Amino acid sequence: MNFISVVPNKSFTVESRIPLFRMVFEHELNATAAGTEVVHRVTFSGGLSFLLGRIVGNPLRTGLPITLASLKRLAENGRVAA
């Protein structure tokens, strides 16, 4: 994975590429009255996205809530500079 955009304490975007497939993961940290809101987007593109998106998508759906909760906790404790 490669970082393609970083805005300290606000957001970061990473991408992963293999032939005919690209995954882009966007993460945003937004301060709210209740704490930190974590926004996450995943985009699949390329000729194999119809197949690999399904294969990769299911594990992402399972692990994503855990990952986002950890990112939220780290951001609120001042341990993350996105």
N, C-alpha and C. Protein backbone atom coordinates (compact mmCIF):
# COMPACT_ATOMS: atom_id res chain seq x y z
N MET A 1 0.84 -1.18 0.00
CA MET A 1 0.00 0.00 0.00
C MET A 1 0.88 1.23 0.00
N ASN A 2 0.40 2.25 -0.68
CA ASN A 2 1.11 3.52 -0.76
C ASN A 2 0.21 4.65 -0.30
N PHE A 3 0.75 5.57 0.49
CA PHE A 3 0.01 6.76 0.86
C PHE A 3 -0.04 7.67 -0.37
N ILE A 4 -1.25 8.13 -0.70
CA ILE A 4 -1.37 9.04 -1.83
C ILE A 4 -1.80 10.43 -1.39
N SER A 5 -2.25 10.54 -0.13
CA SER A 5 -2.62 11.84 0.42
C SER A 5 -2.58 11.75 1.94
N VAL A 6 -2.01 12.79 2.56
CA VAL A 6 -1.99 12.87 4.02
C VAL A 6 -2.23 14.32 4.42
N VAL A 7 -3.22 14.54 5.26
CA VAL A 7 -3.48 15.85 5.86
C VAL A 7 -3.39 15.61 7.36
N PRO A 8 -2.29 16.05 8.01
CA PRO A 8 -2.10 15.74 9.43
C PRO A 8 -3.32 16.10 10.30
N ASN A 9 -3.66 15.16 11.16
CA ASN A 9 -4.78 15.30 12.11
C ASN A 9 -6.13 15.43 11.44
N LYS A 10 -6.22 15.12 10.15
CA LYS A 10 -7.49 15.26 9.43
C LYS A 10 -7.82 14.05 8.56
N SER A 11 -6.90 13.63 7.68
CA SER A 11 -7.24 12.55 6.75
C SER A 11 -5.99 11.90 6.17
N PHE A 12 -6.19 10.69 5.65
CA PHE A 12 -5.16 10.05 4.87
C PHE A 12 -5.81 9.09 3.88
N THR A 13 -5.15 8.90 2.77
CA THR A 13 -5.65 8.02 1.71
C THR A 13 -4.50 7.11 1.29
N VAL A 14 -4.81 5.83 1.18
CA VAL A 14 -3.83 4.86 0.71
C VAL A 14 -4.42 4.09 -0.45
N GLU A 15 -3.53 3.58 -1.29
CA GLU A 15 -3.98 2.76 -2.40
C GLU A 15 -3.14 1.50 -2.49
N SER A 16 -3.74 0.49 -3.06
CA SER A 16 -3.07 -0.77 -3.33
C SER A 16 -3.39 -1.14 -4.77
N ARG A 17 -2.36 -1.52 -5.50
CA ARG A 17 -2.56 -1.86 -6.92
C ARG A 17 -1.97 -3.22 -7.24
N ILE A 18 -2.70 -3.96 -8.04
CA ILE A 18 -2.18 -5.14 -8.72
C ILE A 18 -2.67 -5.01 -10.16
N PRO A 19 -2.13 -5.77 -11.08
CA PRO A 19 -2.61 -5.62 -12.46
C PRO A 19 -4.13 -5.75 -12.55
N LEU A 20 -4.75 -4.80 -13.19
CA LEU A 20 -6.19 -4.75 -13.45
C LEU A 20 -7.06 -4.56 -12.21
N PHE A 21 -6.46 -4.12 -11.09
CA PHE A 21 -7.25 -3.91 -9.88
C PHE A 21 -6.58 -2.84 -9.03
N ARG A 22 -7.39 -1.93 -8.52
CA ARG A 22 -6.90 -0.87 -7.63
C ARG A 22 -7.90 -0.69 -6.49
N MET A 23 -7.37 -0.62 -5.26
CA MET A 23 -8.19 -0.33 -4.08
C MET A 23 -7.70 0.98 -3.50
N VAL A 24 -8.64 1.87 -3.20
CA VAL A 24 -8.32 3.14 -2.56
C VAL A 24 -9.08 3.19 -1.24
N PHE A 25 -8.36 3.46 -0.15
CA PHE A 25 -8.94 3.56 1.19
C PHE A 25 -8.79 5.00 1.65
N GLU A 26 -9.91 5.67 1.88
CA GLU A 26 -9.90 7.05 2.37
C GLU A 26 -10.36 7.06 3.83
N HIS A 27 -9.65 7.78 4.68
CA HIS A 27 -9.97 7.89 6.10
C HIS A 27 -10.03 9.37 6.47
N GLU A 28 -11.09 9.77 7.13
CA GLU A 28 -11.22 11.15 7.61
C GLU A 28 -11.51 11.12 9.10
N LEU A 29 -10.91 12.06 9.83
CA LEU A 29 -11.18 12.23 11.25
C LEU A 29 -11.84 13.59 11.43
N ASN A 30 -13.05 13.60 11.96
CA ASN A 30 -13.79 14.84 12.17
C ASN A 30 -14.14 14.99 13.63
N ALA A 31 -13.75 16.13 14.21
CA ALA A 31 -14.09 16.41 15.61
C ALA A 31 -15.56 16.77 15.71
N THR A 32 -16.25 16.18 16.67
CA THR A 32 -17.65 16.48 16.93
C THR A 32 -17.81 16.75 18.42
N ALA A 33 -18.96 17.24 18.82
CA ALA A 33 -19.24 17.47 20.24
C ALA A 33 -19.16 16.17 21.04
N ALA A 34 -19.46 15.05 20.40
CA ALA A 34 -19.48 13.75 21.07
C ALA A 34 -18.12 13.03 21.01
N GLY A 35 -17.15 13.60 20.33
CA GLY A 35 -15.85 12.94 20.20
C GLY A 35 -15.35 13.05 18.77
N THR A 36 -14.82 11.96 18.26
CA THR A 36 -14.28 11.92 16.91
C THR A 36 -15.14 11.04 16.03
N GLU A 37 -15.52 11.59 14.88
CA GLU A 37 -16.23 10.81 13.87
C GLU A 37 -15.18 10.33 12.88
N VAL A 38 -15.19 9.04 12.59
CA VAL A 38 -14.27 8.46 11.62
C VAL A 38 -15.07 8.09 10.38
N VAL A 39 -14.66 8.65 9.24
CA VAL A 39 -15.32 8.35 7.97
C VAL A 39 -14.35 7.54 7.13
N HIS A 40 -14.84 6.46 6.56
CA HIS A 40 -13.99 5.57 5.78
C HIS A 40 -14.70 5.24 4.47
N ARG A 41 -13.96 5.33 3.38
CA ARG A 41 -14.48 4.94 2.08
C ARG A 41 -13.49 4.01 1.41
N VAL A 42 -14.02 3.00 0.73
CA VAL A 42 -13.19 2.08 -0.04
C VAL A 42 -13.72 2.09 -1.47
N THR A 43 -12.81 2.24 -2.42
CA THR A 43 -13.18 2.23 -3.82
C THR A 43 -12.37 1.17 -4.55
N PHE A 44 -13.06 0.35 -5.32
CA PHE A 44 -12.41 -0.64 -6.17
C PHE A 44 -12.55 -0.20 -7.61
N SER A 45 -11.49 -0.33 -8.39
CA SER A 45 -11.57 -0.01 -9.81
C SER A 45 -10.65 -0.94 -10.59
N GLY A 46 -10.84 -0.94 -11.90
CA GLY A 46 -10.03 -1.78 -12.78
C GLY A 46 -10.83 -2.94 -13.33
N GLY A 47 -10.27 -3.60 -14.30
CA GLY A 47 -10.94 -4.69 -15.01
C GLY A 47 -11.33 -5.87 -14.14
N LEU A 48 -10.60 -6.11 -13.07
CA LEU A 48 -10.92 -7.24 -12.18
C LEU A 48 -11.72 -6.83 -10.95
N SER A 49 -12.16 -5.59 -10.89
CA SER A 49 -12.87 -5.12 -9.69
C SER A 49 -14.17 -5.89 -9.44
N PHE A 50 -14.85 -6.34 -10.50
CA PHE A 50 -16.09 -7.09 -10.30
C PHE A 50 -15.85 -8.39 -9.56
N LEU A 51 -14.69 -9.01 -9.75
CA LEU A 51 -14.37 -10.28 -9.10
C LEU A 51 -13.63 -10.05 -7.78
N LEU A 52 -12.54 -9.33 -7.83
CA LEU A 52 -11.73 -9.13 -6.63
C LEU A 52 -12.44 -8.28 -5.60
N GLY A 53 -13.30 -7.36 -6.04
CA GLY A 53 -14.08 -6.56 -5.10
C GLY A 53 -14.95 -7.44 -4.20
N ARG A 54 -15.52 -8.47 -4.77
CA ARG A 54 -16.33 -9.40 -3.97
C ARG A 54 -15.47 -10.21 -3.01
N ILE A 55 -14.32 -10.66 -3.50
CA ILE A 55 -13.44 -11.48 -2.66
C ILE A 55 -12.86 -10.65 -1.51
N VAL A 56 -12.42 -9.45 -1.79
CA VAL A 56 -11.80 -8.59 -0.79
C VAL A 56 -12.85 -7.90 0.07
N GLY A 57 -14.01 -7.62 -0.50
CA GLY A 57 -15.04 -6.87 0.20
C GLY A 57 -15.57 -7.53 1.45
N ASN A 58 -15.78 -8.83 1.41
CA ASN A 58 -16.34 -9.51 2.59
C ASN A 58 -15.42 -9.44 3.81
N PRO A 59 -14.13 -9.74 3.68
CA PRO A 59 -13.26 -9.57 4.86
C PRO A 59 -13.16 -8.12 5.34
N LEU A 60 -13.22 -7.17 4.41
CA LEU A 60 -13.21 -5.76 4.81
C LEU A 60 -14.42 -5.41 5.65
N ARG A 61 -15.59 -5.88 5.26
CA ARG A 61 -16.81 -5.61 6.03
C ARG A 61 -16.72 -6.17 7.44
N THR A 62 -16.06 -7.30 7.58
CA THR A 62 -15.92 -7.93 8.89
C THR A 62 -14.93 -7.19 9.77
N GLY A 63 -13.76 -6.84 9.22
CA GLY A 63 -12.71 -6.23 10.01
C GLY A 63 -12.81 -4.73 10.16
N LEU A 64 -13.55 -4.08 9.28
CA LEU A 64 -13.61 -2.62 9.27
C LEU A 64 -14.12 -2.01 10.57
N PRO A 65 -15.18 -2.50 11.19
CA PRO A 65 -15.63 -1.89 12.45
C PRO A 65 -14.56 -1.90 13.53
N ILE A 66 -13.78 -2.94 13.61
CA ILE A 66 -12.71 -3.04 14.61
C ILE A 66 -11.62 -2.02 14.29
N THR A 67 -11.24 -1.93 13.03
CA THR A 67 -10.21 -0.99 12.61
C THR A 67 -10.63 0.45 12.87
N LEU A 68 -11.87 0.79 12.53
CA LEU A 68 -12.35 2.16 12.72
C LEU A 68 -12.47 2.52 14.19
N ALA A 69 -12.90 1.58 15.01
CA ALA A 69 -12.99 1.82 16.45
C ALA A 69 -11.60 2.09 17.03
N SER A 70 -10.61 1.35 16.57
CA SER A 70 -9.23 1.57 17.03
C SER A 70 -8.72 2.93 16.59
N LEU A 71 -8.98 3.31 15.34
CA LEU A 71 -8.56 4.61 14.83
C LEU A 71 -9.22 5.73 15.62
N LYS A 72 -10.50 5.58 15.92
CA LYS A 72 -11.24 6.58 16.71
C LYS A 72 -10.62 6.72 18.10
N ARG A 73 -10.35 5.61 18.75
CA ARG A 73 -9.77 5.63 20.09
C ARG A 73 -8.39 6.30 20.08
N LEU A 74 -7.56 5.96 19.11
CA LEU A 74 -6.23 6.56 19.02
C LEU A 74 -6.31 8.06 18.75
N ALA A 75 -7.23 8.47 17.88
CA ALA A 75 -7.39 9.90 17.57
C ALA A 75 -7.84 10.67 18.79
N GLU A 76 -8.76 10.12 19.55
CA GLU A 76 -9.28 10.81 20.72
C GLU A 76 -8.26 10.87 21.86
N ASN A 77 -7.31 9.94 21.86
CA ASN A 77 -6.24 9.95 22.86
C ASN A 77 -5.02 10.72 22.38
N GLY A 78 -5.12 11.36 21.22
CA GLY A 78 -4.02 12.16 20.70
C GLY A 78 -2.84 11.37 20.20
N ARG A 79 -3.07 10.14 19.83
CA ARG A 79 -1.97 9.28 19.39
C ARG A 79 -1.91 9.10 17.88
N VAL A 80 -2.80 9.74 17.16
CA VAL A 80 -2.80 9.60 15.70
C VAL A 80 -2.64 10.96 15.08
N ALA A 81 -1.72 11.06 14.19
CA ALA A 81 -1.60 12.24 13.32
C ALA A 81 -1.79 11.70 11.92
N ALA A 82 -3.01 11.78 11.44
CA ALA A 82 -3.36 11.16 10.16
C ALA A 82 -2.45 11.62 9.06
